[in-house]
């Protein structure tokens, strides 16, 4: 009787592993969802003063915090003065230049 219980438990465990492993490959964890940016990364914020504005300003920023939908960035206000802002991920692009936080 013990052998039957043990073999039944092993069978259930094996069936569970066969079903669960493919579902792990399809899902993304909460850690990998934020892997497109990292803290300290230099980015360009595509800023619009108003939603209906045609003019887009390219502002250099640095990543401070990562959220699921938004990223908190550090923006230079004046010389050595910075402001933190939450920005949508769609409004950011990677900065490929070396001129970061140029003096005004």
N, C-alpha and C. Protein backbone atom coordinates (compact mmCIF):
# COMPACT_ATOMS: atom_id res chain seq x y z
N UNK A 1 0.82 -1.19 0.00
CA UNK A 1 0.00 0.00 0.00
C UNK A 1 0.86 1.26 0.00
N UNK A 2 1.99 1.24 0.77
CA UNK A 2 2.88 2.39 0.79
C UNK A 2 3.51 2.63 -0.57
N UNK A 3 3.84 1.57 -1.26
CA UNK A 3 4.46 1.70 -2.57
C UNK A 3 3.47 2.35 -3.55
N UNK A 4 2.21 2.00 -3.44
CA UNK A 4 1.19 2.59 -4.30
C UNK A 4 1.05 4.09 -4.04
N UNK A 5 1.06 4.51 -2.78
CA UNK A 5 0.97 5.94 -2.44
C UNK A 5 2.19 6.71 -2.92
N UNK A 6 3.36 6.11 -2.72
CA UNK A 6 4.60 6.78 -3.13
C UNK A 6 4.65 6.91 -4.65
N UNK A 7 4.29 5.85 -5.37
CA UNK A 7 4.31 5.89 -6.83
C UNK A 7 3.27 6.88 -7.36
N UNK A 8 2.11 6.98 -6.72
CA UNK A 8 1.10 7.96 -7.11
C UNK A 8 1.60 9.39 -6.90
N UNK A 9 2.28 9.65 -5.80
CA UNK A 9 2.83 10.98 -5.53
C UNK A 9 3.93 11.34 -6.55
N UNK A 10 4.77 10.38 -6.89
CA UNK A 10 5.82 10.62 -7.88
C UNK A 10 5.20 10.90 -9.24
N UNK A 11 4.16 10.15 -9.60
CA UNK A 11 3.48 10.37 -10.87
C UNK A 11 2.85 11.77 -10.93
N UNK A 12 2.22 12.20 -9.85
CA UNK A 12 1.62 13.55 -9.79
C UNK A 12 2.70 14.62 -9.90
N UNK A 13 3.82 14.42 -9.22
CA UNK A 13 4.93 15.36 -9.29
C UNK A 13 5.50 15.46 -10.71
N UNK A 14 5.69 14.33 -11.37
CA UNK A 14 6.22 14.34 -12.74
C UNK A 14 5.25 15.01 -13.72
N UNK A 15 3.96 14.72 -13.58
CA UNK A 15 2.96 15.36 -14.45
C UNK A 15 2.95 16.87 -14.21
N UNK A 16 3.06 17.29 -12.98
CA UNK A 16 3.10 18.71 -12.64
C UNK A 16 4.32 19.39 -13.25
N UNK A 17 5.47 18.74 -13.20
CA UNK A 17 6.68 19.32 -13.78
C UNK A 17 6.58 19.42 -15.30
N UNK A 18 5.99 18.45 -15.94
CA UNK A 18 5.85 18.46 -17.40
C UNK A 18 4.92 19.59 -17.82
N UNK A 19 3.87 19.83 -17.07
CA UNK A 19 2.92 20.89 -17.40
C UNK A 19 3.47 22.27 -17.04
N UNK A 20 4.18 22.39 -15.93
CA UNK A 20 4.61 23.70 -15.44
C UNK A 20 5.81 24.26 -16.20
N UNK A 21 6.74 23.45 -16.64
CA UNK A 21 7.96 23.95 -17.26
C UNK A 21 7.70 24.77 -18.52
N UNK A 22 6.87 24.37 -19.46
CA UNK A 22 6.62 25.22 -20.63
C UNK A 22 5.97 26.56 -20.26
N UNK A 23 5.16 26.59 -19.24
CA UNK A 23 4.53 27.86 -18.86
C UNK A 23 5.55 28.81 -18.25
N UNK A 24 6.63 28.32 -17.66
CA UNK A 24 7.68 29.20 -17.14
C UNK A 24 8.37 29.94 -18.28
N UNK A 25 8.57 29.27 -19.40
CA UNK A 25 9.27 29.88 -20.52
C UNK A 25 8.45 31.00 -21.17
N UNK A 26 7.14 30.91 -21.12
CA UNK A 26 6.30 31.92 -21.76
C UNK A 26 6.18 33.20 -20.95
N UNK A 27 6.16 33.10 -19.65
CA UNK A 27 5.94 34.29 -18.81
C UNK A 27 7.23 35.04 -18.56
N UNK A 28 7.09 36.33 -18.27
CA UNK A 28 8.24 37.13 -17.88
C UNK A 28 8.09 37.50 -16.42
N UNK A 29 9.16 37.48 -15.71
CA UNK A 29 9.11 37.82 -14.30
C UNK A 29 9.06 39.34 -14.14
N UNK A 30 8.77 39.80 -12.93
CA UNK A 30 8.72 41.23 -12.69
C UNK A 30 10.11 41.85 -12.76
N UNK A 31 11.16 41.05 -12.61
CA UNK A 31 12.51 41.58 -12.73
C UNK A 31 12.91 41.80 -14.18
N UNK A 32 12.52 40.91 -15.05
CA UNK A 32 12.90 41.06 -16.45
C UNK A 32 12.02 42.07 -17.17
N UNK A 33 10.89 42.43 -16.62
CA UNK A 33 10.03 43.42 -17.26
C UNK A 33 10.69 44.80 -17.26
N UNK A 34 11.57 45.06 -16.29
CA UNK A 34 12.24 46.35 -16.20
C UNK A 34 13.65 46.31 -16.75
N UNK A 35 13.99 45.29 -17.51
CA UNK A 35 15.37 45.13 -17.95
C UNK A 35 15.75 46.05 -19.10
N UNK A 36 14.81 46.80 -19.68
CA UNK A 36 15.16 47.68 -20.79
C UNK A 36 15.99 48.87 -20.33
N UNK A 37 15.86 49.31 -19.09
CA UNK A 37 16.65 50.40 -18.52
C UNK A 37 17.23 49.95 -17.20
N UNK A 38 18.29 50.63 -16.76
CA UNK A 38 18.87 50.33 -15.45
C UNK A 38 19.20 51.64 -14.74
N UNK A 39 19.32 51.58 -13.44
CA UNK A 39 19.57 52.76 -12.62
C UNK A 39 20.94 53.32 -12.97
N UNK A 40 20.99 54.63 -13.19
CA UNK A 40 22.22 55.30 -13.57
C UNK A 40 22.42 55.43 -15.07
N UNK A 41 21.54 54.83 -15.86
CA UNK A 41 21.66 54.89 -17.31
C UNK A 41 21.31 56.28 -17.82
N UNK A 42 22.02 56.74 -18.83
CA UNK A 42 21.77 58.05 -19.44
C UNK A 42 20.80 57.87 -20.60
N UNK A 43 19.72 58.65 -20.58
CA UNK A 43 18.67 58.56 -21.59
C UNK A 43 18.34 59.94 -22.13
N UNK A 44 17.52 59.97 -23.16
CA UNK A 44 16.96 61.21 -23.71
C UNK A 44 15.45 61.18 -23.47
N UNK A 45 14.93 62.22 -22.83
CA UNK A 45 13.50 62.36 -22.58
C UNK A 45 12.91 63.19 -23.72
N UNK A 46 11.95 62.62 -24.43
CA UNK A 46 11.26 63.33 -25.51
C UNK A 46 10.09 64.10 -24.89
N UNK A 47 10.37 65.34 -24.49
CA UNK A 47 9.44 66.14 -23.70
C UNK A 47 8.58 67.03 -24.59
N UNK A 48 7.28 67.03 -24.31
CA UNK A 48 6.34 67.97 -24.93
C UNK A 48 5.75 68.83 -23.82
N UNK A 49 5.71 70.15 -24.05
CA UNK A 49 5.16 71.05 -23.04
C UNK A 49 3.68 70.78 -22.80
N UNK A 50 2.96 70.47 -23.89
CA UNK A 50 1.54 70.11 -23.80
C UNK A 50 1.30 68.92 -24.71
N UNK A 51 0.24 68.19 -24.45
CA UNK A 51 -0.06 67.00 -25.24
C UNK A 51 -0.36 67.34 -26.69
N UNK A 52 -0.97 68.52 -26.94
CA UNK A 52 -1.30 68.89 -28.31
C UNK A 52 -0.18 69.66 -29.02
N UNK A 53 0.96 69.81 -28.36
CA UNK A 53 2.08 70.54 -28.93
C UNK A 53 2.79 69.71 -30.01
N UNK A 54 3.24 70.37 -31.05
CA UNK A 54 3.99 69.71 -32.12
C UNK A 54 5.49 69.67 -31.80
N UNK A 55 5.95 70.59 -30.96
CA UNK A 55 7.37 70.73 -30.65
C UNK A 55 7.78 69.71 -29.58
N UNK A 56 8.77 68.88 -29.89
CA UNK A 56 9.30 67.91 -28.93
C UNK A 56 10.73 68.30 -28.59
N UNK A 57 11.02 68.44 -27.29
CA UNK A 57 12.37 68.77 -26.84
C UNK A 57 13.08 67.50 -26.41
N UNK A 58 14.35 67.40 -26.73
CA UNK A 58 15.17 66.25 -26.34
C UNK A 58 16.00 66.67 -25.13
N UNK A 59 15.64 66.13 -23.95
CA UNK A 59 16.27 66.52 -22.70
C UNK A 59 17.09 65.35 -22.16
N UNK A 60 18.39 65.56 -21.87
CA UNK A 60 19.20 64.48 -21.29
C UNK A 60 18.80 64.23 -19.83
N UNK A 61 18.64 62.96 -19.47
CA UNK A 61 18.23 62.57 -18.12
C UNK A 61 19.03 61.35 -17.68
N UNK A 62 18.94 61.06 -16.39
CA UNK A 62 19.57 59.87 -15.81
C UNK A 62 18.52 59.11 -15.02
N UNK A 63 18.49 57.78 -15.13
CA UNK A 63 17.50 56.95 -14.45
C UNK A 63 17.79 56.90 -12.95
N UNK A 64 16.75 57.15 -12.15
CA UNK A 64 16.84 57.11 -10.69
C UNK A 64 16.13 55.88 -10.13
N UNK A 65 14.88 55.65 -10.56
CA UNK A 65 14.07 54.51 -10.10
C UNK A 65 13.34 53.91 -11.29
N UNK A 66 13.05 52.61 -11.18
CA UNK A 66 12.31 51.92 -12.22
C UNK A 66 10.94 51.52 -11.70
N UNK A 67 9.91 51.85 -12.44
CA UNK A 67 8.56 51.42 -12.12
C UNK A 67 8.05 50.52 -13.22
N UNK A 68 6.87 49.94 -13.03
CA UNK A 68 6.33 49.03 -14.04
C UNK A 68 5.91 49.77 -15.31
N UNK A 69 5.37 50.98 -15.18
CA UNK A 69 4.92 51.74 -16.34
C UNK A 69 5.72 53.01 -16.58
N UNK A 70 6.37 53.52 -15.54
CA UNK A 70 7.12 54.76 -15.65
C UNK A 70 8.51 54.61 -15.06
N UNK A 71 9.37 55.55 -15.41
CA UNK A 71 10.75 55.58 -14.92
C UNK A 71 10.97 56.93 -14.27
N UNK A 72 11.57 56.94 -13.08
CA UNK A 72 11.90 58.22 -12.45
C UNK A 72 13.29 58.62 -12.93
N UNK A 73 13.38 59.85 -13.44
CA UNK A 73 14.63 60.35 -14.00
C UNK A 73 15.06 61.62 -13.30
N UNK A 74 16.36 61.89 -13.38
CA UNK A 74 16.94 63.12 -12.83
C UNK A 74 17.21 64.07 -13.99
N UNK A 75 16.63 65.28 -13.89
CA UNK A 75 16.74 66.29 -14.95
C UNK A 75 17.52 67.48 -14.39
N UNK A 76 18.48 67.98 -15.18
CA UNK A 76 19.23 69.16 -14.74
C UNK A 76 18.37 70.41 -14.94
N UNK A 77 18.18 71.17 -13.86
CA UNK A 77 17.37 72.38 -13.90
C UNK A 77 18.25 73.59 -14.22
N UNK A 78 19.23 73.82 -13.40
CA UNK A 78 20.23 74.86 -13.61
C UNK A 78 21.58 74.24 -13.26
N UNK A 79 22.60 75.05 -13.22
CA UNK A 79 23.92 74.52 -12.90
C UNK A 79 23.88 73.78 -11.56
N UNK A 80 24.19 72.50 -11.60
CA UNK A 80 24.27 71.63 -10.42
C UNK A 80 22.98 71.59 -9.61
N UNK A 81 21.84 71.89 -10.21
CA UNK A 81 20.54 71.72 -9.58
C UNK A 81 19.75 70.71 -10.40
N UNK A 82 19.18 69.73 -9.71
CA UNK A 82 18.48 68.65 -10.40
C UNK A 82 17.07 68.48 -9.85
N UNK A 83 16.18 67.98 -10.71
CA UNK A 83 14.79 67.71 -10.35
C UNK A 83 14.48 66.28 -10.79
N UNK A 84 13.72 65.55 -9.97
CA UNK A 84 13.30 64.20 -10.33
C UNK A 84 11.89 64.25 -10.93
N UNK A 85 11.69 63.52 -12.02
CA UNK A 85 10.39 63.45 -12.69
C UNK A 85 10.08 62.01 -13.05
N UNK A 86 8.80 61.64 -12.97
CA UNK A 86 8.34 60.33 -13.45
C UNK A 86 7.95 60.49 -14.92
N UNK A 87 8.51 59.62 -15.77
CA UNK A 87 8.33 59.72 -17.21
C UNK A 87 7.85 58.38 -17.76
N UNK A 88 6.93 58.43 -18.70
CA UNK A 88 6.46 57.22 -19.37
C UNK A 88 7.60 56.60 -20.17
N UNK A 89 7.65 55.28 -20.20
CA UNK A 89 8.71 54.57 -20.92
C UNK A 89 8.69 54.87 -22.42
N UNK A 90 7.52 55.18 -22.96
CA UNK A 90 7.42 55.47 -24.39
C UNK A 90 8.08 56.80 -24.75
N UNK A 91 8.29 57.68 -23.78
CA UNK A 91 8.86 59.00 -24.03
C UNK A 91 10.38 59.02 -23.81
N UNK A 92 11.01 57.85 -23.65
CA UNK A 92 12.44 57.77 -23.40
C UNK A 92 13.14 57.04 -24.53
N UNK A 93 14.38 57.46 -24.80
CA UNK A 93 15.22 56.72 -25.74
C UNK A 93 16.65 56.73 -25.20
N UNK A 94 17.44 55.76 -25.60
CA UNK A 94 18.80 55.62 -25.09
C UNK A 94 19.68 56.71 -25.67
N UNK A 95 20.49 57.34 -24.80
CA UNK A 95 21.41 58.40 -25.21
C UNK A 95 22.70 57.75 -25.73
N UNK A 96 23.02 57.99 -26.98
CA UNK A 96 24.21 57.39 -27.59
C UNK A 96 25.35 58.37 -27.72
N UNK A 97 25.17 59.59 -27.24
CA UNK A 97 26.23 60.59 -27.33
C UNK A 97 27.00 60.67 -26.02
N UNK A 98 28.14 61.35 -26.06
CA UNK A 98 28.98 61.51 -24.87
C UNK A 98 28.72 62.83 -24.14
N UNK A 99 27.98 63.74 -24.75
CA UNK A 99 27.74 65.04 -24.13
C UNK A 99 26.51 64.97 -23.24
N UNK A 100 26.72 64.67 -22.00
CA UNK A 100 25.64 64.48 -21.03
C UNK A 100 25.67 65.60 -20.01
N UNK A 101 24.55 66.23 -19.77
CA UNK A 101 24.41 67.34 -18.84
C UNK A 101 25.43 68.45 -19.16
N UNK A 102 25.36 68.94 -20.37
CA UNK A 102 26.23 70.05 -20.77
C UNK A 102 25.89 71.28 -19.92
N UNK A 103 26.88 72.08 -19.66
CA UNK A 103 26.62 73.30 -18.89
C UNK A 103 25.84 74.28 -19.74
N UNK A 104 24.92 74.98 -19.10
CA UNK A 104 24.07 75.93 -19.81
C UNK A 104 24.76 77.22 -20.11
